[in-house]
C-alpha atoms as a PDB file:
ATOM      1  CA  MET A   1      18.438 -10.242   8.623  1.00  0.00           C
ATOM      2  CA  ASN A   2      17.227 -13.820   8.690  1.00  0.00           C
ATOM      3  CA  GLY A   3      15.892 -15.260  11.921  1.00  0.00           C
ATOM      4  CA  GLU A   4      13.816 -13.763  14.673  1.00  0.00           C
ATOM      5  CA  PHE A   5      14.320 -10.109  15.473  1.00  0.00           C
ATOM      6  CA  ASP A   6      12.277  -7.288  16.886  1.00  0.00           C
ATOM      7  CA  ILE A   7      10.884  -5.219  14.027  1.00  0.00           C
ATOM      8  CA  THR A   8       9.212  -2.703  16.348  1.00  0.00           C
ATOM      9  CA  PRO A   9      12.015  -0.073  16.419  1.00  0.00           C
ATOM     10  CA  PHE A  10      11.954   0.152  12.624  1.00  0.00           C
ATOM     11  CA  LEU A  11       8.206   0.493  12.017  1.00  0.00           C
ATOM     12  CA  ALA A  12       7.015   3.379   9.885  1.00  0.00           C
ATOM     13  CA  GLY A  13       4.633   5.768  11.587  1.00  0.00           C
ATOM     14  CA  ARG A  14       0.930   5.844  10.886  1.00  0.00           C
ATOM     15  CA  ALA A  15       0.977   9.404   9.519  1.00  0.00           C
ATOM     16  CA  LYS A  16       3.809   8.559   7.107  1.00  0.00           C
ATOM     17  CA  ARG A  17       1.888   5.514   5.885  1.00  0.00           C
ATOM     18  CA  PHE A  18      -1.211   7.635   5.299  1.00  0.00           C
ATOM     19  CA  LEU A  19       0.734  10.303   3.397  1.00  0.00           C
ATOM     20  CA  ALA A  20       2.373   7.617   1.250  1.00  0.00           C
ATOM     21  CA  TYR A  21      -1.077   6.203   0.514  1.00  0.00           C
ATOM     22  CA  LEU A  22      -2.309   9.637  -0.597  1.00  0.00           C
ATOM     23  CA  ILE A  23       0.748  10.160  -2.806  1.00  0.00           C
ATOM     24  CA  ASP A  24       0.020   6.825  -4.501  1.00  0.00           C
ATOM     25  CA  VAL A  25      -3.764   6.796  -4.712  1.00  0.00           C
ATOM     26  CA  LEU A  26      -4.566  10.387  -5.697  1.00  0.00           C
ATOM     27  CA  PRO A  27      -2.854  10.299  -9.118  1.00  0.00           C
ATOM     28  CA  ILE A  28      -4.358   6.863  -9.853  1.00  0.00           C
ATOM     29  CA  SER A  29      -7.844   8.071  -8.890  1.00  0.00           C
ATOM     30  CA  ILE A  30      -7.538  11.309 -10.844  1.00  0.00           C
ATOM     31  CA  ILE A  31      -6.287   9.549 -13.988  1.00  0.00           C
ATOM     32  CA  THR A  32      -9.046   6.926 -13.723  1.00  0.00           C
ATOM     33  CA  PHE A  33     -11.669   9.645 -13.257  1.00  0.00           C
ATOM     34  CA  LEU A  34     -10.350  11.573 -16.268  1.00  0.00           C
ATOM     35  CA  ILE A  35     -10.426   8.452 -18.465  1.00  0.00           C
ATOM     36  CA  PHE A  36     -14.036   7.792 -17.459  1.00  0.00           C
ATOM     37  CA  TYR A  37     -14.912  11.473 -17.851  1.00  0.00           C
ATOM     38  CA  PHE A  38     -13.376  12.094 -21.261  1.00  0.00           C
ATOM     39  CA  TYR A  39     -13.547   8.667 -22.901  1.00  0.00           C
ATOM     40  CA  LEU A  40     -16.300   6.618 -21.244  1.00  0.00           C
ATOM     41  CA  GLY A  41     -19.176   9.065 -21.092  1.00  0.00           C
ATOM     42  CA  PHE A  42     -19.048  10.036 -17.435  1.00  0.00           C
ATOM     43  CA  ASP A  43     -19.084  13.710 -18.423  1.00  0.00           C
ATOM     44  CA  GLN A  44     -22.509  13.399 -20.080  1.00  0.00           C
ATOM     45  CA  LEU A  45     -23.844  11.237 -17.287  1.00  0.00           C
ATOM     46  CA  MET A  46     -22.666  13.679 -14.630  1.00  0.00           C
ATOM     47  CA  GLU A  47     -24.049  16.684 -16.503  1.00  0.00           C
ATOM     48  CA  THR A  48     -27.435  15.013 -16.937  1.00  0.00           C
ATOM     49  CA  TYR A  49     -27.527  13.842 -13.328  1.00  0.00           C
ATOM     50  CA  VAL A  50     -26.707  17.319 -11.978  1.00  0.00           C
ATOM     51  CA  ALA A  51     -29.441  18.826 -14.180  1.00  0.00           C
ATOM     52  CA  ASN A  52     -32.034  16.217 -13.060  1.00  0.00           C
ATOM     53  CA  PRO A  53     -31.153  14.957  -9.572  1.00  0.00           C
ATOM     54  CA  GLU A  54     -34.736  13.746  -9.020  1.00  0.00           C
ATOM     55  CA  ASP A  55     -34.515  11.289 -11.951  1.00  0.00           C
ATOM     56  CA  LEU A  56     -34.006   7.955 -10.177  1.00  0.00           C
ATOM     57  CA  ASP A  57     -32.820   6.112 -13.287  1.00  0.00           C
ATOM     58  CA  MET A  58     -30.193   8.790 -13.900  1.00  0.00           C
ATOM     59  CA  ARG A  59     -29.153   8.664 -10.228  1.00  0.00           C
ATOM     60  CA  GLU A  60     -28.758   4.889 -10.453  1.00  0.00           C
ATOM     61  CA  ASP A  61     -26.642   5.173 -13.628  1.00  0.00           C
ATOM     62  CA  PHE A  62     -24.512   7.864 -11.996  1.00  0.00           C
ATOM     63  CA  ILE A  63     -23.919   5.751  -8.866  1.00  0.00           C
ATOM     64  CA  ILE A  64     -23.065   2.675 -10.932  1.00  0.00           C
ATOM     65  CA  GLN A  65     -20.498   4.573 -13.013  1.00  0.00           C
ATOM     66  CA  ARG A  66     -19.084   6.331  -9.932  1.00  0.00           C
ATOM     67  CA  ASP A  67     -18.639   2.933  -8.265  1.00  0.00           C
ATOM     68  CA  TRP A  68     -16.879   1.639 -11.374  1.00  0.00           C
ATOM     69  CA  ILE A  69     -14.413   4.517 -11.157  1.00  0.00           C
ATOM     70  CA  SER A  70     -13.760   3.607  -7.538  1.00  0.00           C
ATOM     71  CA  ARG A  71     -13.341  -0.122  -8.270  1.00  0.00           C
ATOM     72  CA  VAL A  72     -11.044   0.441 -11.223  1.00  0.00           C
ATOM     73  CA  SER A  73      -8.896   2.877  -9.199  1.00  0.00           C
ATOM     74  CA  PHE A  74      -8.668   0.385  -6.317  1.00  0.00           C
ATOM     75  CA  SER A  75      -7.752  -2.476  -8.687  1.00  0.00           C
ATOM     76  CA  VAL A  76      -5.051  -0.428 -10.423  1.00  0.00           C
ATOM     77  CA  TRP A  77      -3.680   0.598  -7.003  1.00  0.00           C
ATOM     78  CA  ILE A  78      -3.501  -3.052  -5.835  1.00  0.00           C
ATOM     79  CA  PHE A  79      -1.736  -4.139  -9.030  1.00  0.00           C
ATOM     80  CA  TYR A  80       0.679  -1.180  -8.869  1.00  0.00           C
ATOM     81  CA  CYS A  81       1.499  -1.866  -5.203  1.00  0.00           C
ATOM     82  CA  ALA A  82       2.070  -5.576  -5.844  1.00  0.00           C
ATOM     83  CA  ILE A  83       4.576  -4.830  -8.603  1.00  0.00           C
ATOM     84  CA  MET A  84       6.412  -2.027  -6.806  1.00  0.00           C
ATOM     85  CA  GLU A  85       6.636  -3.744  -3.409  1.00  0.00           C
ATOM     86  CA  SER A  86       8.221  -6.865  -4.927  1.00  0.00           C
ATOM     87  CA  SER A  87      10.644  -4.782  -7.003  1.00  0.00           C
ATOM     88  CA  PRO A  88      14.178  -3.912  -5.834  1.00  0.00           C
ATOM     89  CA  TYR A  89      12.678  -0.655  -4.455  1.00  0.00           C
ATOM     90  CA  GLN A  90      10.440  -2.610  -2.040  1.00  0.00           C
ATOM     91  CA  ALA A  91       8.128   0.388  -2.086  1.00  0.00           C
ATOM     92  CA  THR A  92       5.618   2.365  -4.088  1.00  0.00           C
ATOM     93  CA  VAL A  93       6.431   5.910  -5.165  1.00  0.00           C
ATOM     94  CA  GLY A  94       4.560   7.204  -2.092  1.00  0.00           C
ATOM     95  CA  LYS A  95       6.528   4.950   0.251  1.00  0.00           C
ATOM     96  CA  MET A  96       9.790   5.949  -1.445  1.00  0.00           C
ATOM     97  CA  ALA A  97       8.901   9.634  -1.023  1.00  0.00           C
ATOM     98  CA  MET A  98       8.221   8.997   2.678  1.00  0.00           C
ATOM     99  CA  LYS A  99      11.423   6.886   3.035  1.00  0.00           C
ATOM    100  CA  MET A 100       9.645   3.609   3.813  1.00  0.00           C
ATOM    101  CA  LYS A 101       9.661   0.100   2.431  1.00  0.00           C
ATOM    102  CA  VAL A 102       7.822  -3.180   2.915  1.00  0.00           C
ATOM    103  CA  VAL A 103       9.554  -6.243   4.359  1.00  0.00           C
ATOM    104  CA  ASP A 104       8.491  -9.712   5.419  1.00  0.00           C
ATOM    105  CA  GLU A 105       8.535 -10.996   9.002  1.00  0.00           C
ATOM    106  CA  PHE A 106      12.289 -11.668   8.728  1.00  0.00           C
ATOM    107  CA  GLY A 107      13.131  -8.211   7.392  1.00  0.00           C
ATOM    108  CA  GLU A 108      13.666  -9.567   3.893  1.00  0.00           C
ATOM    109  CA  PRO A 109      12.325  -8.148   0.611  1.00  0.00           C
ATOM    110  CA  LEU A 110       8.940  -9.425  -0.508  1.00  0.00           C
ATOM    111  CA  THR A 111       8.788 -12.115  -3.139  1.00  0.00           C
ATOM    112  CA  PRO A 112       6.285 -11.546  -5.936  1.00  0.00           C
ATOM    113  CA  MET A 113       4.042 -14.175  -4.290  1.00  0.00           C
ATOM    114  CA  LYS A 114       4.222 -12.540  -0.847  1.00  0.00           C
ATOM    115  CA  SER A 115       3.568  -9.109  -2.391  1.00  0.00           C
ATOM    116  CA  GLY A 116       0.636 -10.529  -4.322  1.00  0.00           C
ATOM    117  CA  ILE A 117      -0.851 -12.009  -1.151  1.00  0.00           C
ATOM    118  CA  ARG A 118      -0.336  -8.758   0.749  1.00  0.00           C
ATOM    119  CA  ASN A 119      -1.942  -6.637  -1.903  1.00  0.00           C
ATOM    120  CA  LEU A 120      -4.828  -8.951  -2.779  1.00  0.00           C
ATOM    121  CA  SER A 121      -5.529  -9.088   0.967  1.00  0.00           C
ATOM    122  CA  LYS A 122      -6.240  -5.366   0.758  1.00  0.00           C
ATOM    123  CA  ILE A 123      -9.599  -6.427  -0.663  1.00  0.00           C
ATOM    124  CA  ILE A 124     -10.356  -8.021   2.726  1.00  0.00           C
ATOM    125  CA  SER A 125      -9.093  -4.904   4.503  1.00  0.00           C
ATOM    126  CA  MET A 126     -11.431  -2.788   2.371  1.00  0.00           C
ATOM    127  CA  ILE A 127     -14.543  -4.947   2.197  1.00  0.00           C
ATOM    128  CA  VAL A 128     -15.794  -4.431   5.763  1.00  0.00           C
ATOM    129  CA  PHE A 129     -16.054  -0.617   5.865  1.00  0.00           C
ATOM    130  CA  SER A 130     -12.244  -0.370   5.485  1.00  0.00           C
ATOM    131  CA  ILE A 131     -11.760  -1.634   9.048  1.00  0.00           C
ATOM    132  CA  GLY A 132      -8.710  -3.595   7.888  1.00  0.00           C
ATOM    133  CA  PHE A 133      -6.997  -0.335   6.940  1.00  0.00           C
ATOM    134  CA  LEU A 134      -8.211   1.506  10.027  1.00  0.00           C
ATOM    135  CA  TRP A 135      -6.734  -1.342  12.090  1.00  0.00           C
ATOM    136  CA  ILE A 136      -3.342   0.283  11.495  1.00  0.00           C
ATOM    137  CA  LEU A 137      -4.427   3.048  13.914  1.00  0.00           C
ATOM    138  CA  ILE A 138      -4.839   0.663  16.872  1.00  0.00           C
ATOM    139  CA  ASP A 139      -2.353  -2.099  16.130  1.00  0.00           C
ATOM    140  CA  ARG A 140       0.840  -1.973  18.172  1.00  0.00           C
ATOM    141  CA  LYS A 141       2.902  -2.888  15.101  1.00  0.00           C
ATOM    142  CA  ASN A 142       0.977  -0.526  12.777  1.00  0.00           C
ATOM    143  CA  GLN A 143      -0.253  -3.459  10.707  1.00  0.00           C
ATOM    144  CA  GLY A 144      -3.434  -3.552   8.668  1.00  0.00           C
ATOM    145  CA  TRP A 145      -5.244  -6.824   8.117  1.00  0.00           C
ATOM    146  CA  HIS A 146      -3.433  -7.229   4.794  1.00  0.00           C
ATOM    147  CA  ASP A 147      -0.083  -6.948   6.625  1.00  0.00           C
ATOM    148  CA  LYS A 148      -1.145  -9.514   9.212  1.00  0.00           C
ATOM    149  CA  ILE A 149      -2.391 -11.952   6.560  1.00  0.00           C
ATOM    150  CA  ALA A 150       0.851 -11.684   4.560  1.00  0.00           C
ATOM    151  CA  ARG A 151       3.110 -11.291   7.626  1.00  0.00           C
ATOM    152  CA  THR A 152       4.605  -8.054   6.373  1.00  0.00           C
ATOM    153  CA  TYR A 153       5.660  -4.754   7.894  1.00  0.00           C
ATOM    154  CA  VAL A 154       6.127  -1.244   6.600  1.00  0.00           C
ATOM    155  CA  VAL A 155       9.406   0.033   7.998  1.00  0.00           C
ATOM    156  CA  ASP A 156      11.237   3.340   8.080  1.00  0.00           C
ATOM    157  CA  GLN A 157      13.885   2.811   5.427  1.00  0.00           C
ATOM    158  CA  LEU A 158      16.579   4.950   7.062  1.00  0.00           C
ATOM    159  CA  LEU A 159      16.294   3.268  10.473  1.00  0.00           C
ATOM    160  CA  PHE A 160      16.000  -0.184   8.947  1.00  0.00           C
ATOM    161  CA  GLU A 161      18.917   0.210   6.531  1.00  0.00           C
ATOM    162  CA  GLY A 162      21.074   1.662   9.318  1.00  0.00           C
ATOM    163  CA  ALA A 163      20.383  -1.334  11.548  1.00  0.00           C
ATOM    164  CA  LYS A 164      20.953  -3.737   8.652  1.00  0.00           C
ATOM    165  CA  THR A 165      24.325  -2.085   7.906  1.00  0.00           C
ATOM    166  CA  GLU A 166      25.352  -2.298  11.576  1.00  0.00           C
ATOM    167  CA  SER A 167      24.272  -5.956  11.699  1.00  0.00           C
ATOM    168  CA  THR A 168      26.308  -6.757   8.563  1.00  0.00           C
ATOM    169  CA  GLU A 169      29.389  -4.957   9.913  1.00  0.00           C
ATOM    170  CA  GLU A 170      29.128  -6.810  13.233  1.00  0.00           C
ATOM    171  CA  SER A 171      28.774 -10.214  11.550  1.00  0.00           C
ATOM    172  CA  GLU A 172      31.676  -9.471   9.179  1.00  0.00           C
ATOM    173  CA  GLY A 173      33.798  -8.310  12.098  1.00  0.00           C
ATOM    174  CA  GLY A 174      32.961 -11.490  13.992  1.00  0.00           C
ATOM    175  CA  GLU A 175      34.003 -13.669  11.065  1.00  0.00           C
ATOM    176  CA  ILE A 176      37.329 -11.885  10.710  1.00  0.00           C
ATOM    177  CA  SER A 177      38.144 -12.182  14.389  1.00  0.00           C
ATOM    178  CA  ASP A 178      37.258 -15.881  14.306  1.00  0.00           C
ATOM    179  CA  LEU A 179      39.824 -16.421  11.578  1.00  0.00           C
ATOM    180  CA  GLU A 180      42.655 -14.813  13.533  1.00  0.00           C
END
């Protein structure tokens, strides 16, 4: 699907994108929390904080560790997305479950570099009160800031693959008739 084409008919819906995000991020967040809880002392910190919520030093320690859990989860999610979206699947597990995939502006699979740019750009989407992610709600092509920076789209796999198959059949048919 090289060249200019209108991606709009193939775009994945906002609700599907959000559900795919939840499918991906919840297990990562839960596993990260459990590692911190059972192996990095968050259980003791949380227990002490709940018992003494007025203790400002304890509150500060709790907030610092809670923020670390959040940062580690976000970092793992970015790394996971970068690998999966540049794989032959072109999608994370959540996107696969929702029958979506990520393509570049020409409808082609993402290279590892393009996927890396897209996913590292999620830091920009997140940094300003997550406005870059919320942008998906108002953008006519359902793109977040990270999609715009990397020039990528999340498409409905079934619609996109169907159109790609039709396009291939038409071009093959044209080549055969030209030979006759």
